[in-house]
Amino acid sequence: MKRTTKKKVGKKLTTLKALANPVRLAILYELSSGQKNPRDLARAIGEDYFNVAKQLAVLRDAGLVRSRRRGLRAYYRLLRPSVLRIIEQLP
């Protein structure tokens, strides 16, 4: 396999791996309605704050979300809404 092809495949696999977790998917669905901080996300999806923070890091590393600071809080937003449209096409 060519080096450029391997790189493209690697990026796609990183995205797919990031999506292969129910908590991360729930986070993405919540962020589809707008930016939120980790505490609000944790409440919205019924998960522990620390688990949500950990999963947000995975999503950030995969390039699916981005964070920005406002005062002491970090707010996350969905970078690629098209990912959710693709997921909706799955059976």
C-alpha atoms as a PDB file:
ATOM      1  CA  MET A   1       0.000   0.000   0.000  1.00  0.00           C
ATOM      2  CA  LYS A   2       1.265   3.476  -0.854  1.00  0.00           C
ATOM      3  CA  ARG A   3       2.306   5.775   1.978  1.00  0.00           C
ATOM      4  CA  THR A   4      -0.348   8.381   1.085  1.00  0.00           C
ATOM      5  CA  THR A   5      -3.035   5.699   0.996  1.00  0.00           C
ATOM      6  CA  LYS A   6      -1.905   4.369   4.376  1.00  0.00           C
ATOM      7  CA  LYS A   7      -2.135   7.864   5.833  1.00  0.00           C
ATOM      8  CA  LYS A   8      -5.674   8.366   4.496  1.00  0.00           C
ATOM      9  CA  VAL A   9      -6.767   4.954   5.751  1.00  0.00           C
ATOM     10  CA  GLY A  10      -5.203   5.647   9.139  1.00  0.00           C
ATOM     11  CA  LYS A  11      -7.173   8.888   9.528  1.00  0.00           C
ATOM     12  CA  LYS A  12     -10.416   7.160   8.587  1.00  0.00           C
ATOM     13  CA  LEU A  13      -9.737   4.358  11.067  1.00  0.00           C
ATOM     14  CA  THR A  14      -9.095   6.889  13.828  1.00  0.00           C
ATOM     15  CA  THR A  15     -12.473   8.474  13.120  1.00  0.00           C
ATOM     16  CA  LEU A  16     -14.262   5.119  13.033  1.00  0.00           C
ATOM     17  CA  LYS A  17     -12.632   4.015  16.286  1.00  0.00           C
ATOM     18  CA  ALA A  18     -13.706   7.268  17.924  1.00  0.00           C
ATOM     19  CA  LEU A  19     -17.286   6.585  16.842  1.00  0.00           C
ATOM     20  CA  ALA A  20     -17.262   3.016  18.154  1.00  0.00           C
ATOM     21  CA  ASN A  21     -18.306   3.956  21.682  1.00  0.00           C
ATOM     22  CA  PRO A  22     -21.851   4.677  22.908  1.00  0.00           C
ATOM     23  CA  VAL A  23     -20.783   7.518  25.220  1.00  0.00           C
ATOM     24  CA  ARG A  24     -18.854   9.250  22.455  1.00  0.00           C
ATOM     25  CA  LEU A  25     -21.799   8.899  20.069  1.00  0.00           C
ATOM     26  CA  ALA A  26     -24.143  10.357  22.688  1.00  0.00           C
ATOM     27  CA  ILE A  27     -21.758  13.286  23.144  1.00  0.00           C
ATOM     28  CA  LEU A  28     -21.714  13.944  19.401  1.00  0.00           C
ATOM     29  CA  TYR A  29     -25.513  13.887  19.244  1.00  0.00           C
ATOM     30  CA  GLU A  30     -25.695  16.367  22.137  1.00  0.00           C
ATOM     31  CA  LEU A  31     -23.173  18.655  20.474  1.00  0.00           C
ATOM     32  CA  SER A  32     -25.208  18.636  17.271  1.00  0.00           C
ATOM     33  CA  SER A  33     -27.556  21.142  18.958  1.00  0.00           C
ATOM     34  CA  GLY A  34     -24.721  23.525  19.863  1.00  0.00           C
ATOM     35  CA  GLN A  35     -21.657  23.919  22.027  1.00  0.00           C
ATOM     36  CA  LYS A  36     -21.682  22.653  25.600  1.00  0.00           C
ATOM     37  CA  ASN A  37     -19.306  22.255  28.496  1.00  0.00           C
ATOM     38  CA  PRO A  38     -18.409  18.800  29.858  1.00  0.00           C
ATOM     39  CA  ARG A  39     -20.597  19.137  32.973  1.00  0.00           C
ATOM     40  CA  ASP A  40     -23.674  19.971  30.916  1.00  0.00           C
ATOM     41  CA  LEU A  41     -22.878  17.092  28.559  1.00  0.00           C
ATOM     42  CA  ALA A  42     -22.500  14.690  31.488  1.00  0.00           C
ATOM     43  CA  ARG A  43     -25.917  15.697  32.845  1.00  0.00           C
ATOM     44  CA  ALA A  44     -27.555  15.526  29.419  1.00  0.00           C
ATOM     45  CA  ILE A  45     -26.385  11.986  28.664  1.00  0.00           C
ATOM     46  CA  GLY A  46     -26.462  10.654  32.231  1.00  0.00           C
ATOM     47  CA  GLU A  47     -22.761   9.897  32.480  1.00  0.00           C
ATOM     48  CA  ASP A  48     -20.037  10.655  34.997  1.00  0.00           C
ATOM     49  CA  TYR A  49     -18.214  13.951  34.367  1.00  0.00           C
ATOM     50  CA  PHE A  50     -14.765  12.326  34.364  1.00  0.00           C
ATOM     51  CA  ASN A  51     -15.810   9.736  31.789  1.00  0.00           C
ATOM     52  CA  VAL A  52     -17.262  12.468  29.567  1.00  0.00           C
ATOM     53  CA  ALA A  53     -14.033  14.488  29.849  1.00  0.00           C
ATOM     54  CA  LYS A  54     -12.000  11.414  28.887  1.00  0.00           C
ATOM     55  CA  GLN A  55     -14.237  10.674  25.899  1.00  0.00           C
ATOM     56  CA  LEU A  56     -14.109  14.308  24.760  1.00  0.00           C
ATOM     57  CA  ALA A  57     -10.323  13.999  24.602  1.00  0.00           C
ATOM     58  CA  VAL A  58     -10.654  10.991  22.277  1.00  0.00           C
ATOM     59  CA  LEU A  59     -13.098  12.891  20.069  1.00  0.00           C
ATOM     60  CA  ARG A  60     -10.807  15.934  20.044  1.00  0.00           C
ATOM     61  CA  ASP A  61      -7.791  13.802  19.093  1.00  0.00           C
ATOM     62  CA  ALA A  62      -9.831  12.294  16.241  1.00  0.00           C
ATOM     63  CA  GLY A  63     -10.645  15.789  14.959  1.00  0.00           C
ATOM     64  CA  LEU A  64     -14.383  15.484  15.577  1.00  0.00           C
ATOM     65  CA  VAL A  65     -14.748  18.185  18.237  1.00  0.00           C
ATOM     66  CA  ARG A  66     -12.924  21.352  19.210  1.00  0.00           C
ATOM     67  CA  SER A  67     -12.757  23.084  22.553  1.00  0.00           C
ATOM     68  CA  ARG A  68     -12.428  26.699  23.527  1.00  0.00           C
ATOM     69  CA  ARG A  69     -12.118  28.298  26.913  1.00  0.00           C
ATOM     70  CA  ARG A  70     -14.462  30.880  28.317  1.00  0.00           C
ATOM     71  CA  GLY A  71     -13.228  31.883  31.744  1.00  0.00           C
ATOM     72  CA  LEU A  72     -12.643  28.740  33.780  1.00  0.00           C
ATOM     73  CA  ARG A  73     -14.816  26.522  31.582  1.00  0.00           C
ATOM     74  CA  ALA A  74     -14.116  24.727  28.349  1.00  0.00           C
ATOM     75  CA  TYR A  75     -16.847  24.511  25.741  1.00  0.00           C
ATOM     76  CA  TYR A  76     -16.912  21.885  23.029  1.00  0.00           C
ATOM     77  CA  ARG A  77     -18.441  22.033  19.598  1.00  0.00           C
ATOM     78  CA  LEU A  78     -18.885  19.551  16.799  1.00  0.00           C
ATOM     79  CA  LEU A  79     -16.380  20.099  13.986  1.00  0.00           C
ATOM     80  CA  ARG A  80     -17.789  17.684  11.442  1.00  0.00           C
ATOM     81  CA  PRO A  81     -21.602  17.423  11.563  1.00  0.00           C
ATOM     82  CA  SER A  82     -21.420  15.303   8.408  1.00  0.00           C
ATOM     83  CA  VAL A  83     -20.274  12.394  10.591  1.00  0.00           C
ATOM     84  CA  LEU A  84     -23.711  12.261  12.218  1.00  0.00           C
ATOM     85  CA  ARG A  85     -25.436  12.281   8.831  1.00  0.00           C
ATOM     86  CA  ILE A  86     -23.327   9.276   7.817  1.00  0.00           C
ATOM     87  CA  ILE A  87     -24.192   7.472  11.081  1.00  0.00           C
ATOM     88  CA  GLU A  88     -27.891   8.098  10.459  1.00  0.00           C
ATOM     89  CA  GLN A  89     -27.589   6.134   7.206  1.00  0.00           C
ATOM     90  CA  LEU A  90     -26.549   2.981   9.062  1.00  0.00           C
ATOM     91  CA  PRO A  91     -29.193   0.306   9.661  1.00  0.00           C
END
